Amino acid sequence: MSKKRHTAEEIIAKLRQVDVLTAQGRTVAEAIRSIAVTEVTYYRWRSEYGGLKSDQVKRLKELEAENARLRRAVSDLTLDKMILKEAAKGNF
């Protein structure tokens, strides 16, 4: 079985589709099967994206990318600082 990566917009649409189907009287398991994902995937998506709108999801992904970039920058600078301290110890 091949893995398919869903975009955030697709995930939001599928979560809303499950909400609509359950409101129409179908069970949650039937609704989840109709969007062609496993129950584990559905509940993981719901915990991550539940209650968010498409624009909020885009902003969340942008912030996560920016946070990762900043973490890399901090770790690089910390490493440079440690190298300079070691070099300074040897000069005296």
Protein backbone atom coordinates (compact mmCIF):
# COMPACT_ATOMS: atom_id res chain seq x y z
CA MET A 1 0.00 0.00 0.00
CA SER A 2 1.52 3.31 -1.05
CA LYS A 3 1.66 6.26 1.28
CA LYS A 4 -0.19 9.39 0.25
CA ARG A 5 0.64 12.72 1.78
CA HIS A 6 -2.45 14.85 2.20
CA THR A 7 -2.21 18.62 2.18
CA ALA A 8 -3.53 20.56 5.13
CA GLU A 9 -6.48 21.76 3.07
CA GLU A 10 -7.39 18.19 2.11
CA ILE A 11 -7.19 17.11 5.74
CA ILE A 12 -9.48 19.94 6.85
CA ALA A 13 -11.95 19.06 4.09
CA LYS A 14 -11.96 15.38 5.08
CA LEU A 15 -12.47 16.21 8.76
CA ARG A 16 -15.43 18.41 7.84
CA GLN A 17 -16.80 15.64 5.62
CA VAL A 18 -16.73 13.22 8.56
CA ASP A 19 -18.54 15.82 10.70
CA VAL A 20 -21.25 16.17 8.06
CA LEU A 21 -21.67 12.42 7.68
CA THR A 22 -21.94 11.85 11.41
CA ALA A 23 -24.49 14.66 11.64
CA GLN A 24 -26.51 12.83 8.97
CA GLY A 25 -26.70 9.79 11.22
CA ARG A 26 -23.82 7.61 10.05
CA THR A 27 -21.50 6.13 12.62
CA VAL A 28 -18.04 7.55 13.03
CA ALA A 29 -16.46 4.33 11.75
CA GLU A 30 -18.56 4.41 8.56
CA ALA A 31 -17.77 8.08 8.00
CA ILE A 32 -14.05 7.47 8.45
CA ARG A 33 -14.15 4.58 5.98
CA SER A 34 -15.89 6.81 3.44
CA ILE A 35 -12.97 9.28 3.42
CA ALA A 36 -10.55 6.37 2.87
CA VAL A 37 -8.30 6.77 5.91
CA THR A 38 -7.75 4.63 8.98
CA GLU A 39 -9.25 5.45 12.34
CA VAL A 40 -5.79 6.11 13.76
CA THR A 41 -5.10 8.64 11.01
CA TYR A 42 -8.47 10.31 11.51
CA TYR A 43 -7.98 10.75 15.26
CA ARG A 44 -4.40 11.98 14.77
CA TRP A 45 -5.63 14.54 12.24
CA ARG A 46 -8.46 15.55 14.52
CA SER A 47 -6.10 16.13 17.43
CA GLU A 48 -3.75 18.19 15.24
CA TYR A 49 -6.16 20.06 12.96
CA GLY A 50 -9.50 19.85 14.79
CA GLY A 51 -11.24 23.19 14.95
CA LEU A 52 -8.80 24.97 12.65
CA LYS A 53 -9.65 26.72 9.42
CA SER A 54 -7.56 26.53 6.25
CA ASP A 55 -5.88 29.90 6.77
CA GLN A 56 -5.02 29.00 10.35
CA VAL A 57 -3.43 25.74 9.21
CA LYS A 58 -1.31 27.59 6.66
CA ARG A 59 -0.15 30.01 9.36
CA LEU A 60 0.61 27.10 11.71
CA LYS A 61 2.80 25.42 9.08
CA GLU A 62 4.60 28.70 8.37
CA LEU A 63 5.31 29.20 12.06
CA GLU A 64 6.57 25.63 12.43
CA ALA A 65 8.96 26.13 9.48
CA GLU A 66 10.18 29.43 10.90
CA ASN A 67 10.68 27.86 14.33
CA ALA A 68 12.77 25.05 12.83
CA ARG A 69 14.88 27.57 10.91
CA LEU A 70 15.48 29.63 14.04
CA ARG A 71 16.41 26.54 16.07
CA ARG A 72 19.03 25.62 13.46
CA ALA A 73 20.43 29.15 13.55
CA VAL A 74 20.71 29.10 17.34
CA SER A 75 22.40 25.71 17.37
CA ASP A 76 24.89 26.85 14.70
CA LEU A 77 25.73 29.99 16.65
CA THR A 78 26.11 28.04 19.88
CA LEU A 79 28.49 25.63 18.19
CA ASP A 80 30.53 28.54 16.79
CA LYS A 81 30.70 30.12 20.24
CA MET A 82 31.93 26.87 21.79
CA ILE A 83 34.61 26.50 19.12
CA LEU A 84 35.81 30.06 19.70
CA LYS A 85 35.97 29.47 23.48
CA GLU A 86 38.10 26.37 22.96
CA ALA A 87 40.40 28.27 20.59
CA ALA A 88 40.73 31.14 23.09
CA LYS A 89 41.70 28.75 25.90
CA GLY A 90 44.63 27.49 23.86
CA ASN A 91 46.00 30.99 23.13
CA PHE A 92 46.59 31.96 26.75
